[in-house]
Amino acid sequence: MSKINIFSNRSKGDFGYLSSEKKRRILITSILFAVPLLIFFTALLYFHTRLTIWTVVAVVGCLPACKSLVSLIMIFRARPLDASVYKKISQHAGKLTMSYEMYMTFYEKSASIDAFAICGNVVVGYSSDPKINLAFMEQEAQKILRGNGFKVNVKIFTRLEQFLERLDSMNEHKESLEEGIKFHPDEKYPDLSRDELIKHTILAICL
């Protein structure tokens, strides 16, 4: 399911998600570090020595904080989508299922994906990330989607104009792109359409 942000109603895959998610993770990481530090210094002031069980508790308590810090560092590697670019994309999105501001990460490579459009067996993305390895990201995303039962083809553009043209084409031929595709609702997510399930699968491999 989409991850709800405590700072706003932005969910994973929404425009503005990265900015609010960074704030959320900063707050959580700060709290997780503050608690064990408070325990340590309170015990130090009270017992006048570090050699107490509370020092061990504080050290162990730092482990979740360190894990949260790694998560925070990873989210800062992602590239938020420029508002003007989002506006252009939304004007061409039409009735397509869209997902925005993703950081797709695999063991070998990672990259920011500004937007994905989904219709039938066609998944088209746009990335302004100058370091993206297009062939690798397309191949890995397609492999995962097909492994989950979606016989889709994935194409990622680095030129916004080409992406917008493809969105227009997908909207124009939406009925034919969806024609003949059999779909059985997922028991875990009975309310999601096929395109929404594909979006959900994509988001599962993103920050």
Protein backbone atom coordinates (compact mmCIF):
# COMPACT_ATOMS: atom_id res chain seq x y z
CA MET A 1 0.00 0.00 0.00
CA SER A 2 1.10 3.57 -0.49
CA LYS A 3 3.04 5.05 2.37
CA ILE A 4 1.19 7.90 4.08
CA ASN A 5 3.30 10.88 5.14
CA ILE A 6 2.73 12.36 8.58
CA PHE A 7 3.44 15.91 7.37
CA SER A 8 0.87 16.01 4.58
CA ASN A 9 -1.51 13.88 2.57
CA ARG A 10 1.25 13.11 0.06
CA SER A 11 1.71 9.40 -0.55
CA LYS A 12 4.55 7.52 -2.17
CA GLY A 13 4.28 8.18 -5.89
CA ASP A 14 2.67 11.62 -5.47
CA PHE A 15 4.30 14.87 -6.54
CA GLY A 16 5.86 16.48 -3.45
CA TYR A 17 6.38 13.15 -1.69
CA LEU A 18 10.18 13.44 -1.52
CA SER A 19 10.19 16.84 0.19
CA SER A 20 7.71 15.79 2.87
CA GLU A 21 9.38 12.38 3.28
CA LYS A 22 12.75 14.02 3.91
CA LYS A 23 11.21 16.14 6.69
CA ARG A 24 9.55 13.06 8.18
CA ARG A 25 12.77 11.04 8.19
CA ILE A 26 14.76 13.95 9.66
CA LEU A 27 12.29 14.17 12.54
CA ILE A 28 12.25 10.41 13.16
CA THR A 29 16.06 10.13 13.01
CA SER A 30 16.47 13.08 15.40
CA ILE A 31 14.09 11.51 17.92
CA LEU A 32 15.73 8.11 17.67
CA PHE A 33 19.13 9.63 18.42
CA ALA A 34 17.80 11.96 21.13
CA VAL A 35 16.27 9.19 23.26
CA PRO A 36 19.43 7.07 23.83
CA LEU A 37 21.55 10.20 24.27
CA LEU A 38 19.11 11.46 26.90
CA ILE A 39 19.31 8.10 28.68
CA PHE A 40 23.12 8.11 28.58
CA PHE A 41 23.64 11.65 29.88
CA THR A 42 20.92 11.36 32.51
CA ALA A 43 22.55 8.19 33.87
CA LEU A 44 25.99 9.82 33.68
CA LEU A 45 24.86 12.83 35.71
CA TYR A 46 23.10 10.61 38.25
CA PHE A 47 25.73 7.88 38.74
CA HIS A 48 28.83 9.96 37.83
CA THR A 49 30.18 7.06 35.75
CA ARG A 50 29.64 5.54 32.32
CA LEU A 51 30.01 2.01 33.68
CA THR A 52 26.34 1.28 34.18
CA ILE A 53 23.68 -0.83 32.49
CA TRP A 54 22.19 2.41 31.14
CA THR A 55 25.23 2.93 28.93
CA VAL A 56 24.55 -0.45 27.33
CA VAL A 57 20.89 0.48 26.91
CA ALA A 58 21.89 3.76 25.26
CA VAL A 59 24.32 2.06 22.87
CA VAL A 60 21.78 -0.57 21.86
CA GLY A 61 19.21 2.18 21.49
CA CYS A 62 21.42 3.89 18.91
CA LEU A 63 21.06 0.96 16.49
CA PRO A 64 17.58 1.92 15.24
CA ALA A 65 18.79 5.52 14.98
CA CYS A 66 21.73 4.47 12.79
CA LYS A 67 19.40 2.47 10.55
CA SER A 68 17.14 5.50 10.25
CA LEU A 69 20.16 7.66 9.40
CA VAL A 70 21.03 5.36 6.48
CA SER A 71 17.44 5.66 5.26
CA LEU A 72 17.70 9.44 5.55
CA ILE A 73 20.93 9.53 3.54
CA MET A 74 19.32 7.40 0.82
CA ILE A 75 16.27 9.66 0.49
CA PHE A 76 18.52 12.70 0.08
CA ARG A 77 20.06 11.03 -2.99
CA ALA A 78 16.67 11.18 -4.73
CA ARG A 79 15.87 14.14 -7.00
CA PRO A 80 12.58 15.99 -6.34
CA LEU A 81 10.58 16.80 -9.45
CA ASP A 82 10.61 20.46 -10.45
CA ALA A 83 7.16 22.00 -10.08
CA SER A 84 7.21 23.44 -13.61
CA VAL A 85 8.05 20.02 -15.06
CA TYR A 86 5.28 18.40 -13.02
CA LYS A 87 2.83 20.95 -14.39
CA LYS A 88 3.82 20.12 -17.96
CA ILE A 89 3.52 16.38 -17.35
CA SER A 90 0.15 16.68 -15.60
CA GLN A 91 -1.21 18.59 -18.58
CA HIS A 92 -0.47 15.57 -20.79
CA ALA A 93 -1.26 12.80 -18.27
CA GLY A 94 -4.94 12.62 -19.18
CA LYS A 95 -6.53 9.43 -17.81
CA LEU A 96 -3.27 7.52 -17.50
CA THR A 97 -2.16 6.04 -14.18
CA MET A 98 0.80 8.17 -13.11
CA SER A 99 3.52 7.92 -10.48
CA TYR A 100 6.00 10.67 -9.59
CA GLU A 101 9.29 11.28 -7.75
CA MET A 102 10.72 7.78 -7.47
CA TYR A 103 14.24 6.67 -6.66
CA MET A 104 14.56 3.24 -8.17
CA THR A 105 17.34 1.29 -6.53
CA PHE A 106 18.90 -2.06 -7.34
CA TYR A 107 22.04 -3.74 -6.00
CA GLU A 108 24.14 -2.66 -9.00
CA LYS A 109 22.69 0.75 -9.88
CA SER A 110 20.19 3.38 -8.78
CA ALA A 111 18.52 6.35 -10.46
CA SER A 112 15.85 8.98 -10.00
CA ILE A 113 12.73 8.52 -12.11
CA ASP A 114 10.69 11.72 -12.32
CA ALA A 115 7.52 10.07 -13.61
CA PHE A 116 6.00 6.83 -14.86
CA ALA A 117 2.87 6.49 -16.98
CA ILE A 118 1.05 3.16 -17.12
CA CYS A 119 -1.52 1.92 -19.61
CA GLY A 120 -2.15 -1.72 -20.42
CA ASN A 121 1.17 -3.39 -21.19
CA VAL A 122 2.98 -0.11 -21.74
CA VAL A 123 5.02 1.52 -18.96
CA VAL A 124 6.77 4.73 -19.95
CA GLY A 125 9.04 6.79 -17.74
CA TYR A 126 10.91 10.08 -17.73
CA SER A 127 14.19 10.72 -15.91
CA SER A 128 16.22 13.91 -15.68
CA ASP A 129 18.96 12.04 -13.80
CA PRO A 130 22.16 12.63 -15.82
CA LYS A 131 23.75 9.48 -14.40
CA ILE A 132 20.96 7.07 -15.28
CA ASN A 133 21.82 3.88 -17.12
CA LEU A 134 18.71 3.65 -19.29
CA ALA A 135 19.17 0.13 -20.60
CA PHE A 136 19.83 -1.27 -17.13
CA MET A 137 16.92 0.49 -15.42
CA GLU A 138 14.48 -0.45 -18.20
CA GLN A 139 15.61 -4.06 -18.14
CA GLU A 140 15.46 -4.44 -14.35
CA ALA A 141 12.09 -2.71 -14.00
CA GLN A 142 10.63 -4.84 -16.80
CA LYS A 143 12.09 -8.00 -15.27
CA ILE A 144 10.46 -7.32 -11.90
CA LEU A 145 7.09 -6.42 -13.41
CA ARG A 146 7.04 -9.51 -15.60
CA GLY A 147 8.11 -11.58 -12.60
CA ASN A 148 4.95 -10.34 -10.90
CA GLY A 149 2.78 -11.45 -13.80
CA PHE A 150 2.57 -8.24 -15.84
CA LYS A 151 3.63 -8.72 -19.47
CA VAL A 152 4.68 -5.12 -19.88
CA ASN A 153 7.31 -3.30 -21.90
CA VAL A 154 9.22 -0.54 -20.10
CA LYS A 155 10.67 2.50 -21.85
CA ILE A 156 12.35 5.43 -20.09
CA PHE A 157 13.02 8.77 -21.79
CA THR A 158 15.58 11.39 -20.82
CA ARG A 159 14.03 14.06 -23.05
CA LEU A 160 10.86 15.57 -21.62
CA GLU A 161 9.44 16.40 -25.05
CA GLN A 162 9.58 12.76 -26.13
CA PHE A 163 7.93 11.65 -22.90
CA LEU A 164 5.09 14.16 -23.31
CA GLU A 165 4.55 13.05 -26.91
CA ARG A 166 4.32 9.45 -25.74
CA LEU A 167 1.77 10.41 -23.08
CA ASP A 168 -0.38 12.05 -25.75
CA SER A 169 -0.11 8.93 -27.91
CA MET A 170 -1.00 6.63 -24.99
CA ASN A 171 -4.08 8.72 -24.18
CA GLU A 172 -5.13 8.74 -27.82
CA HIS A 173 -4.83 4.96 -28.10
CA LYS A 174 -5.80 4.06 -24.52
CA GLU A 175 -8.67 1.76 -25.48
CA SER A 176 -6.58 -0.24 -27.94
CA LEU A 177 -3.67 -0.49 -25.46
CA GLU A 178 -6.02 -2.02 -22.88
CA GLU A 179 -7.96 -4.19 -25.32
CA GLY A 180 -7.79 -7.95 -24.76
CA ILE A 181 -5.86 -7.79 -21.50
CA LYS A 182 -7.24 -10.22 -18.93
CA PHE A 183 -7.19 -9.05 -15.34
CA HIS A 184 -8.02 -10.79 -12.09
CA PRO A 185 -8.08 -8.51 -9.02
CA ASP A 186 -5.42 -9.16 -6.40
CA GLU A 187 -6.85 -10.61 -3.19
CA LYS A 188 -4.56 -8.38 -1.14
CA TYR A 189 -5.60 -5.22 -3.01
CA PRO A 190 -9.10 -5.92 -4.38
CA ASP A 191 -9.83 -2.24 -4.99
CA LEU A 192 -6.81 -1.64 -7.24
CA SER A 193 -7.07 -1.80 -11.03
CA ARG A 194 -4.43 -3.58 -13.09
CA ASP A 195 -2.61 -0.32 -13.87
CA GLU A 196 -2.69 0.62 -10.18
CA LEU A 197 -1.23 -2.78 -9.26
CA ILE A 198 1.60 -2.19 -11.73
CA LYS A 199 2.18 1.20 -10.09
CA HIS A 200 2.17 -0.46 -6.67
CA THR A 201 4.79 -2.97 -7.86
CA ILE A 202 6.99 -0.20 -9.22
CA LEU A 203 6.77 1.77 -5.98
CA ALA A 204 7.78 -1.32 -4.02
CA ILE A 205 11.27 -1.15 -5.57
CA CYS A 206 11.60 2.59 -4.95
CA LEU A 207 12.48 4.60 -1.85
